[in-house]
Each structure stands twice: as structure tokens, then as C-alpha cells.
């Protein structure tokens, strides 16, 4: 049985959950994947058992029946996109796949990554994992906010970043906007197009709307 290790509130594992949900698939109802919720508050990602699976101590992780371990969010999402559901979220032809890849990388490295970097260097929960440099925080947030102007322009006259359907680029941009709230970056304050885009995505894929972790046997 395949196993998908996640936590349901962090941006990277949410990529996989939203990708499946965008195809109408509930991750908890899949017949061939067991979902394993990793409790970051309890530091389960640092346990000996999980570290054997993924020495990087990050999620998502997807283990396949043949023992293959995918421990990068992009790799996990590429696999899920190709194997499950009829419509590709990564793009339906070579040109569209390239466009989605381009938009996704800009959203990831200019928006989401910079906001995650600011969070890592400012939040007390990350103090034991990284050597925090407070001077990184403000410039990282500023770079992310600056990049939002590009997406505000890209969304002019469009509901989505590539073509007329939701793609993985939209998922990553939405997660960047949503994560920014943890750093007091208002996702609706950087242009009308972005505000409308965020509202549409949040209505479908907010943490409150997505499936919650099922109780473990110990808690039942």
C-alpha cells in the first residue's frame, strides 16, 4: 500500500491535498493510498521512524509499493497528477506544461519561498531547526510583496494564471497568498485581480474546507 505522509496546515503538503481536491479526489477516500498525519507540534517529523523514511524530516512524503520514496513536494505532486484523475493540473500539452512550470516557479521562489524564509527566521517554533537571522525577515517579505505585482498583471481578464482552468501554478500562488497571512501580509491588498483570485481559491481550498485528520486509535 502506498503511504502519503502529510500535515494538513503547512504549505508544501497542502500542495498535494489541493491538487487532488481540484480533481474532485478526497485524499482520505483513496483506495490505494494510506494517509499518515505527522504531528509537527509533537515533533513526529524528527522521530527515528520518520527520519528513516525521510532524513530531511519534511512532508509531504509518498512511499510507493516498490519501496520508492518521493520526499519533495513537486515530485509528489507530479506523481499524483499523472496517476490520479483525468485532467492534468500540470498542463495538457507540452506548451501548457511549460507555461504552468514557469508560473509555478515564479510563484514558488518569489512569493511562497520568501514568505516561508521570513517565517523561519521570525517564528519561535523554528528556532530549534534553523539559525534565525532576524535581518532576513523584512527583505524577504518585501521581495514577496514586490512579486505580487507580476501576478496582479497576469490575472488581468483571467480567472487563472494559465489558460481557462486551474493549474498547479494557481495552487502554489494561492498557498503563497494564504501563508502570507501568518506574516500579516494581506492577500487582498495587492490588487483587485489578486483579491478576486484569492477569494475564489480560498472558497474551495481553505484549511477549514479541506478534510481534517482522522483520529488515531489512541484518541478514539
C-alpha atoms as a PDB file:
ATOM      1  CA  UNK A   1       0.000   0.000   0.000  1.00  0.00           C
ATOM      2  CA  UNK A   2       1.265   3.460  -0.876  1.00  0.00           C
ATOM      3  CA  UNK A   3       1.582   5.901   2.017  1.00  0.00           C
ATOM      4  CA  UNK A   4       1.291   9.679   1.903  1.00  0.00           C
ATOM      5  CA  UNK A   5       2.810  11.447   4.901  1.00  0.00           C
ATOM      6  CA  UNK A   6       1.416  14.938   5.440  1.00  0.00           C
ATOM      7  CA  UNK A   7       0.475  17.627   7.862  1.00  0.00           C
ATOM      8  CA  UNK A   8      -2.663  19.469   6.821  1.00  0.00           C
ATOM      9  CA  UNK A   9      -1.772  23.066   7.595  1.00  0.00           C
ATOM     10  CA  UNK A  10       1.733  23.583   6.132  1.00  0.00           C
ATOM     11  CA  UNK A  11       2.069  24.914   2.562  1.00  0.00           C
ATOM     12  CA  UNK A  12       4.099  22.103   0.996  1.00  0.00           C
ATOM     13  CA  UNK A  13       1.844  19.176   1.964  1.00  0.00           C
ATOM     14  CA  UNK A  14      -1.197  21.313   1.184  1.00  0.00           C
ATOM     15  CA  UNK A  15       0.011  21.383  -2.434  1.00  0.00           C
ATOM     16  CA  UNK A  16      -0.699  17.655  -2.711  1.00  0.00           C
ATOM     17  CA  UNK A  17      -4.031  17.858  -0.897  1.00  0.00           C
ATOM     18  CA  UNK A  18      -5.278  20.753  -3.030  1.00  0.00           C
ATOM     19  CA  UNK A  19      -4.043  19.154  -6.250  1.00  0.00           C
ATOM     20  CA  UNK A  20      -6.146  16.069  -5.540  1.00  0.00           C
ATOM     21  CA  UNK A  21      -9.123  18.131  -4.356  1.00  0.00           C
ATOM     22  CA  UNK A  22      -9.016  20.180  -7.565  1.00  0.00           C
ATOM     23  CA  UNK A  23      -9.596  16.892  -9.404  1.00  0.00           C
ATOM     24  CA  UNK A  24     -12.503  16.015  -7.138  1.00  0.00           C
ATOM     25  CA  UNK A  25     -10.477  13.476  -5.152  1.00  0.00           C
ATOM     26  CA  UNK A  26     -10.659  13.280  -1.348  1.00  0.00           C
ATOM     27  CA  UNK A  27      -7.254  12.104  -0.158  1.00  0.00           C
ATOM     28  CA  UNK A  28      -8.867  10.167   2.690  1.00  0.00           C
ATOM     29  CA  UNK A  29     -11.102   8.173   0.329  1.00  0.00           C
ATOM     30  CA  UNK A  30      -8.373   6.810  -1.942  1.00  0.00           C
ATOM     31  CA  UNK A  31      -8.291   3.013  -2.110  1.00  0.00           C
ATOM     32  CA  UNK A  32      -4.572   2.584  -2.705  1.00  0.00           C
ATOM     33  CA  UNK A  33      -3.042   5.288  -0.505  1.00  0.00           C
ATOM     34  CA  UNK A  34      -2.868   5.334   3.279  1.00  0.00           C
ATOM     35  CA  UNK A  35      -2.661   8.856   4.694  1.00  0.00           C
ATOM     36  CA  UNK A  36      -0.324   9.279   7.647  1.00  0.00           C
ATOM     37  CA  UNK A  37      -0.713  12.567   9.511  1.00  0.00           C
ATOM     38  CA  UNK A  38       2.559  13.769  11.025  1.00  0.00           C
ATOM     39  CA  UNK A  39       2.110  15.896  14.146  1.00  0.00           C
ATOM     40  CA  UNK A  40       4.650  18.696  13.876  1.00  0.00           C
ATOM     41  CA  UNK A  41       3.641  20.113  17.253  1.00  0.00           C
ATOM     42  CA  UNK A  42       4.734  16.816  18.793  1.00  0.00           C
ATOM     43  CA  UNK A  43       7.852  16.825  16.546  1.00  0.00           C
ATOM     44  CA  UNK A  44       6.908  13.494  14.966  1.00  0.00           C
ATOM     45  CA  UNK A  45       8.844  14.536  11.863  1.00  0.00           C
ATOM     46  CA  UNK A  46      12.016  14.243  13.952  1.00  0.00           C
ATOM     47  CA  UNK A  47      11.248  10.761  15.251  1.00  0.00           C
ATOM     48  CA  UNK A  48      13.617   7.935  14.440  1.00  0.00           C
ATOM     49  CA  UNK A  49      10.924   6.088  12.498  1.00  0.00           C
ATOM     50  CA  UNK A  50      10.067   9.026  10.241  1.00  0.00           C
ATOM     51  CA  UNK A  51      13.697  10.054   9.797  1.00  0.00           C
ATOM     52  CA  UNK A  52      14.404   6.591   8.382  1.00  0.00           C
ATOM     53  CA  UNK A  53      11.755   7.261   5.747  1.00  0.00           C
ATOM     54  CA  UNK A  54      12.834  10.840   5.043  1.00  0.00           C
ATOM     55  CA  UNK A  55      16.136  12.016   6.515  1.00  0.00           C
ATOM     56  CA  UNK A  56      15.159  15.581   5.554  1.00  0.00           C
ATOM     57  CA  UNK A  57      12.347  15.387   8.172  1.00  0.00           C
ATOM     58  CA  UNK A  58       9.899  17.193   5.889  1.00  0.00           C
ATOM     59  CA  UNK A  59       6.493  16.488   4.378  1.00  0.00           C
ATOM     60  CA  UNK A  60       4.924  15.573   2.047  1.00  0.00           C
ATOM     61  CA  UNK A  61       6.460  12.166   1.504  1.00  0.00           C
ATOM     62  CA  UNK A  62       4.961   9.499  -0.742  1.00  0.00           C
ATOM     63  CA  UNK A  63       6.175   5.911  -0.484  1.00  0.00           C
ATOM     64  CA  UNK A  64       5.288   3.542  -3.319  1.00  0.00           C
ATOM     65  CA  UNK A  65       4.612  -0.182  -3.299  1.00  0.00           C
ATOM     66  CA  UNK A  66       8.069  -0.975  -4.644  1.00  0.00           C
ATOM     67  CA  UNK A  67       9.805   0.964  -1.866  1.00  0.00           C
ATOM     68  CA  UNK A  68      10.403   4.147  -3.859  1.00  0.00           C
ATOM     69  CA  UNK A  69      10.354   7.247  -1.638  1.00  0.00           C
ATOM     70  CA  UNK A  70       9.365  10.648  -3.034  1.00  0.00           C
ATOM     71  CA  UNK A  71      10.255  13.308  -0.469  1.00  0.00           C
ATOM     72  CA  UNK A  72       9.837  16.549  -2.424  1.00  0.00           C
ATOM     73  CA  UNK A  73       6.503  18.324  -2.846  1.00  0.00           C
ATOM     74  CA  UNK A  74       6.959  18.888  -6.572  1.00  0.00           C
ATOM     75  CA  UNK A  75       7.842  15.225  -7.142  1.00  0.00           C
ATOM     76  CA  UNK A  76       4.895  14.039  -5.065  1.00  0.00           C
ATOM     77  CA  UNK A  77       2.519  16.317  -6.949  1.00  0.00           C
ATOM     78  CA  UNK A  78       3.898  15.288 -10.350  1.00  0.00           C
ATOM     79  CA  UNK A  79       3.249  11.651  -9.450  1.00  0.00           C
ATOM     80  CA  UNK A  80      -0.255  12.292  -8.096  1.00  0.00           C
ATOM     81  CA  UNK A  81      -1.166  14.383 -11.122  1.00  0.00           C
ATOM     82  CA  UNK A  82      -0.128  11.715 -13.622  1.00  0.00           C
ATOM     83  CA  UNK A  83      -1.634   8.744 -11.780  1.00  0.00           C
ATOM     84  CA  UNK A  84      -4.941  10.058 -10.421  1.00  0.00           C
ATOM     85  CA  UNK A  85      -7.842  11.810 -12.104  1.00  0.00           C
ATOM     86  CA  UNK A  86      -8.499  12.526 -15.745  1.00  0.00           C
ATOM     87  CA  UNK A  87      -7.408  16.153 -16.116  1.00  0.00           C
ATOM     88  CA  UNK A  88      -3.782  17.163 -15.681  1.00  0.00           C
ATOM     89  CA  UNK A  89      -3.227  20.057 -13.304  1.00  0.00           C
ATOM     90  CA  UNK A  90       0.354  20.347 -14.598  1.00  0.00           C
ATOM     91  CA  UNK A  91      -0.752  21.114 -18.168  1.00  0.00           C
ATOM     92  CA  UNK A  92      -2.470  19.269 -21.007  1.00  0.00           C
ATOM     93  CA  UNK A  93       0.221  19.624 -23.691  1.00  0.00           C
ATOM     94  CA  UNK A  94       3.910  20.441 -23.890  1.00  0.00           C
ATOM     95  CA  UNK A  95       3.395  24.199 -24.253  1.00  0.00           C
ATOM     96  CA  UNK A  96       0.876  24.408 -21.429  1.00  0.00           C
ATOM     97  CA  UNK A  97       3.092  22.291 -19.173  1.00  0.00           C
ATOM     98  CA  UNK A  98       5.948  24.706 -19.836  1.00  0.00           C
ATOM     99  CA  UNK A  99       3.716  27.694 -19.072  1.00  0.00           C
ATOM    100  CA  UNK A 100       2.487  26.131 -15.832  1.00  0.00           C
ATOM    101  CA  UNK A 101       6.070  25.290 -14.867  1.00  0.00           C
ATOM    102  CA  UNK A 102       7.167  28.872 -15.476  1.00  0.00           C
ATOM    103  CA  UNK A 103       4.328  30.419 -13.490  1.00  0.00           C
ATOM    104  CA  UNK A 104       4.676  27.857 -10.717  1.00  0.00           C
ATOM    105  CA  UNK A 105       8.389  28.523 -10.286  1.00  0.00           C
ATOM    106  CA  UNK A 106       7.876  32.287 -10.082  1.00  0.00           C
ATOM    107  CA  UNK A 107       5.072  31.847  -7.546  1.00  0.00           C
ATOM    108  CA  UNK A 108       7.153  29.381  -5.550  1.00  0.00           C
ATOM    109  CA  UNK A 109      10.540  31.103  -5.476  1.00  0.00           C
ATOM    110  CA  UNK A 110       9.465  34.731  -5.492  1.00  0.00           C
ATOM    111  CA  UNK A 111       6.364  34.578  -3.284  1.00  0.00           C
ATOM    112  CA  UNK A 112       5.980  31.378  -1.261  1.00  0.00           C
ATOM    113  CA  UNK A 113       9.672  30.716  -0.634  1.00  0.00           C
ATOM    114  CA  UNK A 114      10.390  34.271   0.522  1.00  0.00           C
ATOM    115  CA  UNK A 115       7.439  34.225   2.900  1.00  0.00           C
ATOM    116  CA  UNK A 116       8.474  30.832   4.273  1.00  0.00           C
ATOM    117  CA  UNK A 117      12.007  32.182   4.717  1.00  0.00           C
ATOM    118  CA  UNK A 118      10.678  35.155   6.657  1.00  0.00           C
ATOM    119  CA  UNK A 119       8.608  32.809   8.815  1.00  0.00           C
ATOM    120  CA  UNK A 120      11.572  30.525   9.505  1.00  0.00           C
ATOM    121  CA  UNK A 121      13.650  33.442  10.702  1.00  0.00           C
ATOM    122  CA  UNK A 122      10.959  35.028  12.863  1.00  0.00           C
ATOM    123  CA  UNK A 123       8.708  32.368  14.388  1.00  0.00           C
ATOM    124  CA  UNK A 124       9.693  30.822  17.746  1.00  0.00           C
ATOM    125  CA  UNK A 125       8.688  27.343  16.573  1.00  0.00           C
ATOM    126  CA  UNK A 126      11.548  27.387  14.028  1.00  0.00           C
ATOM    127  CA  UNK A 127      14.263  28.478  16.427  1.00  0.00           C
ATOM    128  CA  UNK A 128      15.487  24.941  17.085  1.00  0.00           C
ATOM    129  CA  UNK A 129      15.537  23.999  13.394  1.00  0.00           C
ATOM    130  CA  UNK A 130      17.330  26.968  11.824  1.00  0.00           C
ATOM    131  CA  UNK A 131      19.826  29.564  12.990  1.00  0.00           C
ATOM    132  CA  UNK A 132      17.467  32.502  12.867  1.00  0.00           C
ATOM    133  CA  UNK A 133      18.680  35.766  11.332  1.00  0.00           C
ATOM    134  CA  UNK A 134      16.069  38.435  12.061  1.00  0.00           C
ATOM    135  CA  UNK A 135      17.556  40.699   9.390  1.00  0.00           C
ATOM    136  CA  UNK A 136      16.270  38.282   6.733  1.00  0.00           C
ATOM    137  CA  UNK A 137      12.633  38.855   7.638  1.00  0.00           C
ATOM    138  CA  UNK A 138      11.759  42.292   6.289  1.00  0.00           C
ATOM    139  CA  UNK A 139      13.674  41.967   2.961  1.00  0.00           C
ATOM    140  CA  UNK A 140      12.135  38.532   2.326  1.00  0.00           C
ATOM    141  CA  UNK A 141       8.619  39.859   2.862  1.00  0.00           C
ATOM    142  CA  UNK A 142       9.392  42.855   0.648  1.00  0.00           C
ATOM    143  CA  UNK A 143      10.589  40.609  -2.204  1.00  0.00           C
ATOM    144  CA  UNK A 144       7.426  38.530  -1.995  1.00  0.00           C
ATOM    145  CA  UNK A 145       5.168  41.579  -1.994  1.00  0.00           C
ATOM    146  CA  UNK A 146       7.066  43.086  -4.932  1.00  0.00           C
ATOM    147  CA  UNK A 147       6.495  39.904  -6.971  1.00  0.00           C
ATOM    148  CA  UNK A 148       2.741  40.072  -6.419  1.00  0.00           C
ATOM    149  CA  UNK A 149       2.511  42.915  -8.935  1.00  0.00           C
ATOM    150  CA  UNK A 150       3.519  40.446 -11.655  1.00  0.00           C
ATOM    151  CA  UNK A 151       0.631  38.151 -10.798  1.00  0.00           C
ATOM    152  CA  UNK A 152      -1.819  41.025 -10.498  1.00  0.00           C
ATOM    153  CA  UNK A 153      -0.990  41.875 -14.111  1.00  0.00           C
ATOM    154  CA  UNK A 154      -1.020  38.230 -15.241  1.00  0.00           C
ATOM    155  CA  UNK A 155      -4.540  37.747 -13.880  1.00  0.00           C
ATOM    156  CA  UNK A 156      -5.985  40.743 -15.707  1.00  0.00           C
ATOM    157  CA  UNK A 157      -9.040  39.433 -17.560  1.00  0.00           C
ATOM    158  CA  UNK A 158      -8.401  35.855 -16.400  1.00  0.00           C
ATOM    159  CA  UNK A 159      -9.576  33.651 -13.560  1.00  0.00           C
ATOM    160  CA  UNK A 160      -6.421  31.521 -13.682  1.00  0.00           C
ATOM    161  CA  UNK A 161      -2.749  32.025 -14.480  1.00  0.00           C
ATOM    162  CA  UNK A 162      -2.562  29.617 -17.446  1.00  0.00           C
ATOM    163  CA  UNK A 163      -5.448  29.046 -19.823  1.00  0.00           C
ATOM    164  CA  UNK A 164      -9.035  28.741 -18.679  1.00  0.00           C
ATOM    165  CA  UNK A 165      -8.618  26.074 -15.997  1.00  0.00           C
ATOM    166  CA  UNK A 166      -6.989  25.779 -12.617  1.00  0.00           C
ATOM    167  CA  UNK A 167      -3.385  24.637 -12.751  1.00  0.00           C
ATOM    168  CA  UNK A 168      -0.639  23.815 -10.290  1.00  0.00           C
ATOM    169  CA  UNK A 169       0.647  27.366 -10.687  1.00  0.00           C
ATOM    170  CA  UNK A 170      -2.634  28.657  -9.226  1.00  0.00           C
ATOM    171  CA  UNK A 171      -2.316  26.269  -6.292  1.00  0.00           C
ATOM    172  CA  UNK A 172       1.189  27.469  -5.450  1.00  0.00           C
ATOM    173  CA  UNK A 173       0.273  31.146  -5.797  1.00  0.00           C
ATOM    174  CA  UNK A 174      -2.788  30.649  -3.592  1.00  0.00           C
ATOM    175  CA  UNK A 175      -0.663  28.949  -0.929  1.00  0.00           C
ATOM    176  CA  UNK A 176       1.790  31.824  -1.014  1.00  0.00           C
ATOM    177  CA  UNK A 177      -1.009  34.347  -0.552  1.00  0.00           C
ATOM    178  CA  UNK A 178      -2.596  32.279   2.205  1.00  0.00           C
ATOM    179  CA  UNK A 179       0.676  31.703   4.052  1.00  0.00           C
ATOM    180  CA  UNK A 180       1.415  35.409   3.931  1.00  0.00           C
ATOM    181  CA  UNK A 181      -1.333  35.986   6.472  1.00  0.00           C
ATOM    182  CA  UNK A 182       0.949  34.424   9.103  1.00  0.00           C
ATOM    183  CA  UNK A 183       3.279  37.374   8.454  1.00  0.00           C
ATOM    184  CA  UNK A 184       0.472  39.942   8.341  1.00  0.00           C
ATOM    185  CA  UNK A 185       0.613  40.210   4.549  1.00  0.00           C
ATOM    186  CA  UNK A 186      -2.991  40.768   3.470  1.00  0.00           C
ATOM    187  CA  UNK A 187      -3.721  38.628   0.366  1.00  0.00           C
ATOM    188  CA  UNK A 188      -6.488  41.009  -0.710  1.00  0.00           C
ATOM    189  CA  UNK A 189      -4.442  44.216  -0.500  1.00  0.00           C
ATOM    190  CA  UNK A 190      -2.287  43.904  -3.623  1.00  0.00           C
ATOM    191  CA  UNK A 191      -4.724  44.471  -6.432  1.00  0.00           C
ATOM    192  CA  UNK A 192      -8.289  43.624  -7.368  1.00  0.00           C
ATOM    193  CA  UNK A 193      -7.326  40.696  -9.596  1.00  0.00           C
ATOM    194  CA  UNK A 194      -5.304  39.022  -6.856  1.00  0.00           C
ATOM    195  CA  UNK A 195      -8.023  39.692  -4.308  1.00  0.00           C
ATOM    196  CA  UNK A 196     -10.646  38.025  -6.511  1.00  0.00           C
ATOM    197  CA  UNK A 197      -8.300  35.138  -7.300  1.00  0.00           C
ATOM    198  CA  UNK A 198      -7.603  34.579  -3.605  1.00  0.00           C
ATOM    199  CA  UNK A 199     -11.288  34.667  -2.733  1.00  0.00           C
ATOM    200  CA  UNK A 200     -12.123  32.062  -5.400  1.00  0.00           C
ATOM    201  CA  UNK A 201      -9.345  29.719  -4.326  1.00  0.00           C
ATOM    202  CA  UNK A 202      -9.970  30.191  -0.619  1.00  0.00           C
ATOM    203  CA  UNK A 203     -13.633  29.363  -1.010  1.00  0.00           C
ATOM    204  CA  UNK A 204     -12.644  25.933  -2.339  1.00  0.00           C
ATOM    205  CA  UNK A 205      -9.343  25.112  -0.685  1.00  0.00           C
ATOM    206  CA  UNK A 206      -9.051  26.844   2.680  1.00  0.00           C
ATOM    207  CA  UNK A 207      -7.808  24.714   5.564  1.00  0.00           C
ATOM    208  CA  UNK A 208     -11.316  24.828   7.026  1.00  0.00           C
ATOM    209  CA  UNK A 209     -12.831  23.472   3.801  1.00  0.00           C
ATOM    210  CA  UNK A 210     -10.343  20.637   3.361  1.00  0.00           C
ATOM    211  CA  UNK A 211     -10.576  17.245   5.064  1.00  0.00           C
ATOM    212  CA  UNK A 212      -9.398  17.074   8.658  1.00  0.00           C
ATOM    213  CA  UNK A 213      -7.095  14.418  10.019  1.00  0.00           C
ATOM    214  CA  UNK A 214      -8.963  11.377  11.284  1.00  0.00           C
ATOM    215  CA  UNK A 215      -8.482  10.475  14.956  1.00  0.00           C
ATOM    216  CA  UNK A 216      -5.783   7.956  15.678  1.00  0.00           C
ATOM    217  CA  UNK A 217      -6.674   4.804  17.581  1.00  0.00           C
ATOM    218  CA  UNK A 218      -5.120   6.290  20.696  1.00  0.00           C
ATOM    219  CA  UNK A 219      -7.525   9.217  20.557  1.00  0.00           C
ATOM    220  CA  UNK A 220     -10.693   7.340  19.661  1.00  0.00           C
END
